[in-house]
Protein backbone atom coordinates (compact mmCIF):
# COMPACT_ATOMS: atom_id res chain seq x y z
CA MET A 1 81.70 100.72 65.25
CA ALA A 2 78.85 101.28 67.67
CA ASN A 3 75.34 101.97 66.53
CA THR A 4 74.16 105.50 67.29
CA GLY A 5 70.75 106.98 67.96
CA GLU A 6 69.02 110.14 69.07
CA VAL A 7 67.70 110.61 72.56
CA ASP A 8 64.51 108.66 72.94
CA THR A 9 62.76 106.65 75.58
CA PRO A 10 63.33 104.12 76.90
CA LEU A 11 66.91 105.00 77.85
CA VAL A 12 69.53 103.26 80.00
CA VAL A 13 72.60 105.28 81.05
CA VAL A 14 75.86 103.90 82.43
CA GLY A 15 79.05 105.53 83.68
CA THR A 16 82.44 103.97 83.01
CA ASP A 17 86.12 104.75 83.42
CA GLY A 18 87.66 101.80 81.61
CA SER A 19 88.36 99.85 84.81
CA GLU A 20 87.20 96.29 85.45
CA HIS A 21 84.35 97.62 87.58
CA GLY A 22 83.42 100.07 84.83
CA ASP A 23 83.38 97.27 82.26
CA ARG A 24 81.09 95.20 84.48
CA ALA A 25 78.75 98.17 84.84
CA VAL A 26 78.57 98.54 81.06
CA ALA A 27 77.86 94.82 80.66
CA HIS A 28 75.00 94.97 83.19
CA ALA A 29 73.63 98.14 81.57
CA ALA A 30 73.75 96.59 78.09
CA GLU A 31 71.77 93.56 79.28
CA ALA A 32 69.23 95.85 80.94
CA ALA A 33 68.89 97.90 77.75
CA VAL A 34 68.30 94.77 75.67
CA ARG A 35 65.58 93.57 78.07
CA ARG A 36 63.87 96.96 77.85
CA GLY A 37 64.38 97.49 74.12
CA ALA A 38 66.19 100.67 75.16
CA LEU A 39 68.94 102.92 73.90
CA LEU A 40 72.17 102.54 75.87
CA ARG A 41 74.12 105.72 76.63
CA ILE A 42 77.69 105.21 77.88
CA VAL A 43 79.23 108.19 79.69
CA HIS A 44 82.72 109.00 80.90
CA ALA A 45 83.36 112.16 82.91
CA ILE A 46 86.51 114.24 82.70
CA ARG A 47 86.94 115.94 86.03
CA VAL A 48 87.79 119.60 85.36
CA PRO A 49 87.76 122.58 87.75
CA MET A 50 84.34 124.11 87.99
CA ALA A 51 83.81 127.59 86.54
CA THR A 52 84.05 130.24 89.28
CA PRO A 53 83.11 133.92 89.00
CA GLY A 54 86.26 135.87 88.13
CA PHE A 55 88.07 132.82 86.74
CA GLU A 56 88.08 131.27 83.27
CA THR A 57 86.74 127.74 82.79
CA VAL A 58 89.60 125.26 82.49
CA GLU A 59 89.21 122.98 79.47
CA PRO A 60 90.81 119.52 79.36
CA ASP A 61 93.88 119.16 77.16
CA GLU A 62 93.54 117.50 73.75
CA GLU A 63 95.27 114.29 74.83
CA THR A 64 92.87 113.83 77.76
CA ALA A 65 89.87 114.56 75.56
CA ARG A 66 91.01 112.07 72.90
CA ALA A 67 91.65 109.38 75.50
CA ALA A 68 88.19 109.90 76.99
CA GLU A 69 86.53 109.71 73.58
CA ALA A 70 88.44 106.52 72.75
CA LEU A 71 87.41 105.02 76.10
CA VAL A 72 83.67 105.47 75.57
CA GLN A 73 83.88 104.41 71.92
CA ASP A 74 85.68 101.20 72.91
CA ALA A 75 83.07 100.52 75.59
CA ALA A 76 80.28 101.11 73.09
CA ALA A 77 81.89 98.80 70.53
CA ALA A 78 82.25 96.05 73.14
CA ALA A 79 78.57 96.37 74.06
CA VAL A 80 77.54 96.09 70.40
CA ARG A 81 79.74 93.03 69.88
CA ARG A 82 77.80 91.30 72.66
CA HIS A 83 74.42 92.65 71.53
CA PRO A 84 74.55 93.41 67.78
CA ASN A 85 71.04 94.89 67.68
CA LEU A 86 71.66 97.28 70.58
CA THR A 87 71.71 101.00 69.81
CA VAL A 88 74.48 102.76 71.74
CA GLN A 89 75.54 106.36 72.29
CA ALA A 90 79.03 107.20 73.57
CA ARG A 91 79.39 110.51 75.41
CA VAL A 92 82.09 112.41 77.28
CA GLY A 93 80.95 114.68 80.12
CA TYR A 94 82.87 117.41 81.90
CA GLY A 95 82.92 118.39 85.56
CA LEU A 96 82.09 116.43 88.67
CA PRO A 97 81.40 112.80 87.69
CA GLY A 98 78.15 112.55 89.64
CA ASP A 99 76.78 115.73 88.09
CA ALA A 100 77.77 114.64 84.58
CA LEU A 101 76.16 111.25 85.01
CA LEU A 102 72.92 112.64 86.44
CA ALA A 103 72.68 115.17 83.61
CA ALA A 104 73.14 112.43 81.01
CA ALA A 105 70.46 110.32 82.73
CA GLU A 106 67.70 112.91 82.50
CA GLY A 107 64.58 111.06 81.35
CA ALA A 108 66.24 107.63 81.66
CA GLN A 109 64.55 104.46 82.89
CA LEU A 110 67.71 103.24 84.59
CA LEU A 111 71.09 104.64 85.66
CA VAL A 112 73.97 102.18 86.14
CA ALA A 113 77.40 102.63 87.73
CA GLY A 114 80.17 100.49 89.17
CA SER A 115 80.98 100.46 92.86
CA ARG A 116 84.64 101.33 92.37
CA GLY A 117 86.61 103.05 89.69
CA ARG A 118 89.56 105.15 88.66
CA GLY A 119 90.17 108.33 86.72
CA GLY A 120 87.07 110.42 86.17
CA PHE A 121 84.87 108.15 88.28
CA VAL A 122 87.27 107.49 91.16
CA GLY A 123 85.27 107.45 94.36
CA LEU A 124 82.00 108.00 92.50
CA LEU A 125 80.15 105.42 94.52
CA LEU A 126 82.12 105.46 97.73
CA GLY A 127 81.20 107.17 100.99
CA SER A 128 79.22 110.38 100.90
CA VAL A 129 79.34 110.67 97.08
CA SER A 130 77.51 107.37 96.64
CA ARG A 131 74.78 108.40 99.04
CA SER A 132 74.48 111.79 97.34
CA LEU A 133 74.04 110.20 93.90
CA ALA A 134 71.44 107.76 95.22
CA ALA A 135 69.59 110.61 96.91
CA ARG A 136 69.54 112.80 93.79
CA THR A 137 68.70 110.41 90.98
CA THR A 138 65.17 110.64 89.59
CA CYS A 139 65.27 107.14 88.09
CA PRO A 140 66.28 103.78 89.58
CA LEU A 141 70.04 103.52 90.14
CA LEU A 142 71.77 100.15 89.73
CA ILE A 143 75.06 99.93 91.60
CA VAL A 144 77.07 96.97 90.32
CA ARG A 145 78.58 95.41 93.43
CA GLY A 146 79.75 91.95 94.42
CA GLU A 147 81.34 89.25 92.33
CA HIS A 148 78.22 87.80 90.71
CA GLY A 149 77.92 87.53 86.96
CA ALA A 150 74.69 87.56 85.01
CA PRO A 151 71.68 86.69 87.21
CA ALA A 152 70.69 83.89 84.83
CA GLY A 153 73.86 82.05 85.85
CA GLN A 154 73.14 82.09 89.57
CA ALA A 155 71.40 78.89 90.62
CA GLY A 156 69.36 79.25 93.78
CA ALA A 157 69.70 83.04 93.93
CA ASP A 158 66.87 85.42 94.74
CA VAL A 159 65.94 89.11 94.52
CA LEU A 160 66.29 90.64 97.96
CA LEU A 161 63.78 93.33 98.93
CA GLY A 162 64.22 95.49 102.01
CA ILE A 163 60.89 96.68 103.41
CA GLN A 164 61.05 99.41 106.03
CA GLY A 165 57.43 100.50 106.23
CA ASP A 166 54.60 102.09 104.31
CA GLY A 167 55.35 103.64 100.94
CA ASP A 168 57.74 100.99 99.59
CA GLY A 169 55.44 100.20 96.65
CA GLN A 170 57.77 101.41 93.90
CA ALA A 171 60.72 99.46 95.25
CA MET A 172 58.48 96.41 95.69
CA ARG A 173 57.30 96.60 92.10
CA ALA A 174 60.87 96.90 90.83
CA ALA A 175 61.93 93.85 92.84
CA PHE A 176 59.03 91.70 91.65
CA GLU A 177 59.49 92.75 88.03
CA ALA A 178 63.17 91.81 88.19
CA ALA A 179 62.36 88.49 89.86
CA ARG A 180 59.75 87.65 87.23
CA GLY A 181 62.15 88.54 84.41
CA TRP A 182 64.88 86.30 85.78
CA GLY A 183 62.61 83.51 87.01
CA MET A 184 63.74 84.00 90.62
CA PRO A 185 61.94 84.20 93.96
CA VAL A 186 61.71 87.38 96.02
CA HIS A 187 63.15 87.38 99.53
CA ALA A 188 61.34 90.17 101.39
CA VAL A 189 63.06 91.22 104.62
CA HIS A 190 61.68 93.49 107.33
CA ALA A 191 63.90 94.10 110.36
CA TRP A 192 62.54 95.88 113.40
CA SER A 193 63.65 96.96 116.86
CA TRP A 194 61.92 96.80 120.23
CA PRO A 195 59.51 99.76 120.36
CA GLY A 196 60.47 101.15 123.76
CA TYR A 197 61.89 100.77 127.25
CA ALA A 198 60.56 97.75 129.09
CA GLY A 199 62.17 98.15 132.51
CA LEU A 200 65.10 96.30 134.05
CA ALA A 201 63.55 92.89 133.43
CA GLY A 202 63.07 93.53 129.74
CA PRO A 203 60.02 92.51 127.72
CA SER A 204 58.19 89.33 128.61
CA GLU A 205 57.93 86.43 126.16
CA ALA A 206 54.28 87.28 125.63
CA ASP A 207 55.20 90.89 124.81
CA MET A 208 57.86 89.71 122.37
CA ARG A 209 55.46 87.37 120.61
CA ALA A 210 52.81 90.08 120.37
CA VAL A 211 55.16 92.66 118.85
CA ALA A 212 56.70 90.09 116.51
CA GLU A 213 53.23 89.12 115.31
CA VAL A 214 52.34 92.76 114.62
CA HIS A 215 55.42 93.18 112.42
CA ALA A 216 54.92 89.86 110.63
CA THR A 217 51.30 90.75 109.91
CA ALA A 218 52.33 94.18 108.64
CA LEU A 219 54.89 92.62 106.31
CA GLU A 220 52.36 90.18 104.88
CA GLY A 221 49.91 93.04 104.44
CA ALA A 222 52.49 95.08 102.55
CA LEU A 223 53.11 92.13 100.22
CA THR A 224 49.43 91.44 99.51
CA TRP A 225 49.12 93.53 96.36
CA ALA A 226 52.44 92.29 94.98
CA ARG A 227 51.39 88.66 95.43
CA LYS A 228 48.21 89.45 93.48
CA GLN A 229 50.03 91.37 90.73
CA PHE A 230 52.81 88.78 90.41
CA PRO A 231 51.19 85.41 91.24
CA ASP A 232 53.93 83.56 89.35
CA VAL A 233 56.71 84.94 91.59
CA GLU A 234 57.57 82.88 94.66
CA VAL A 235 57.91 84.97 97.84
CA ARG A 236 59.77 84.28 101.07
CA ALA A 237 59.05 86.82 103.79
CA ASP A 238 61.16 87.26 106.93
CA SER A 239 60.28 89.65 109.75
CA VAL A 240 63.03 89.73 112.37
CA MET A 241 64.01 91.79 115.40
CA ALA A 242 67.49 92.89 114.34
CA ASP A 243 69.49 95.76 112.91
CA ALA A 244 67.93 96.53 109.54
CA ALA A 245 71.15 97.53 107.79
CA GLY A 246 73.13 94.53 109.00
CA THR A 247 70.29 92.13 108.22
CA LEU A 248 69.98 93.38 104.64
CA VAL A 249 73.72 93.22 103.98
CA GLU A 250 73.98 89.70 105.41
CA ALA A 251 71.00 88.46 103.39
CA SER A 252 72.48 89.89 100.18
CA ALA A 253 75.17 87.19 100.12
CA GLY A 254 72.72 84.79 98.46
CA SER A 255 71.01 87.29 96.16
CA ALA A 256 71.34 88.32 92.53
CA LEU A 257 70.01 91.78 93.33
CA ALA A 258 69.15 93.81 96.43
CA VAL A 259 66.40 96.43 96.10
CA VAL A 260 66.01 99.37 98.48
CA GLY A 261 63.81 102.44 98.33
CA VAL A 262 65.08 105.97 98.99
CA ARG A 263 63.05 109.12 99.54
CA HIS A 264 64.32 112.43 98.23
CA ARG A 265 64.92 115.00 100.91
CA ARG A 266 65.48 118.74 100.93
CA GLY A 267 67.74 121.13 102.75
CA PRO A 268 70.76 119.91 104.73
CA LEU A 269 69.60 116.27 104.39
CA ARG A 270 69.26 116.31 100.59
CA HIS A 271 72.31 114.03 100.19
CA TRP A 272 71.20 111.60 102.90
CA VAL A 273 69.63 108.25 102.04
CA GLY A 274 69.32 106.70 105.49
CA HIS A 275 71.57 104.13 107.14
CA VAL A 276 69.88 101.07 105.62
CA ALA A 277 70.26 102.22 102.01
CA ALA A 278 73.76 103.53 102.74
CA ALA A 279 74.82 100.16 104.15
CA ALA A 280 73.47 98.35 101.10
CA ILE A 281 75.18 100.77 98.72
CA GLU A 282 78.54 100.40 100.43
CA HIS A 283 78.55 96.81 101.74
CA ALA A 284 76.07 94.56 99.88
CA HIS A 285 77.42 91.34 98.37
CA CYS A 286 75.42 91.77 95.16
CA PRO A 287 74.30 94.57 92.84
CA VAL A 288 71.99 97.09 94.50
CA LEU A 289 68.99 98.74 92.87
CA VAL A 290 68.14 102.05 94.54
CA VAL A 291 64.56 103.07 93.74
CA PRO A 292 63.45 106.68 94.36
CA LEU A 293 60.22 106.81 96.36
CA GLU A 294 57.65 109.56 96.05
């Protein structure tokens, strides 16, 4: 029987559907909750038609509701068996899975979900839905991707940090805190493109060196405060002229975690996270931590 507790901070929330990917998400969330001394809230969403003016709300049948309750209770019990001192809540949400998960994560320190699923969470983190969830969350979102197990079991792995420009401080802090906690180095990657048209002959070698030096200097400058705040964390910094999305995905093959920052947008672009974050969410070889940026 799982421990129960009232809503309190710190809080870690995870969505599951009983699939292998859902189970891995719960395992990662439980470990994160233990590290934080947090309450773990496990959520499963029953997809039901949304209430529409002029129509009655459709409630799930009793069998579906019982199966959902059993699913989250089993997940909670499994988490407690691994971590006997962990306090766990098991909840069933109704409606669109993303909406249910975001509502349950209000005030949370971390939101966790698998990259694939079935049932209530089918497609939750695929395509446009994944980008929408990443764009809307108000707390860091951990997407459990790849085949890696616990970070502690990955010899030679690192925490990958994608740096796109100014304002990545929150993502940088999250990456360095994770690296310190796991005793891993940070691999900071900044990919850039040629700034403009250089004629038929293309840029000269001197021009290339000058622009490359500007970007390398900017990257080192961005890392200055993190090196001071986390002097015990080893840092490897790479500034390369290449596609940013492809570079980050390729580098993630040797990482325990990839960290990317996402800015909230408004209007028609409110579900857009940018092509670099989208590529990491959908194609990274390791779990991805999406950090909302102010």
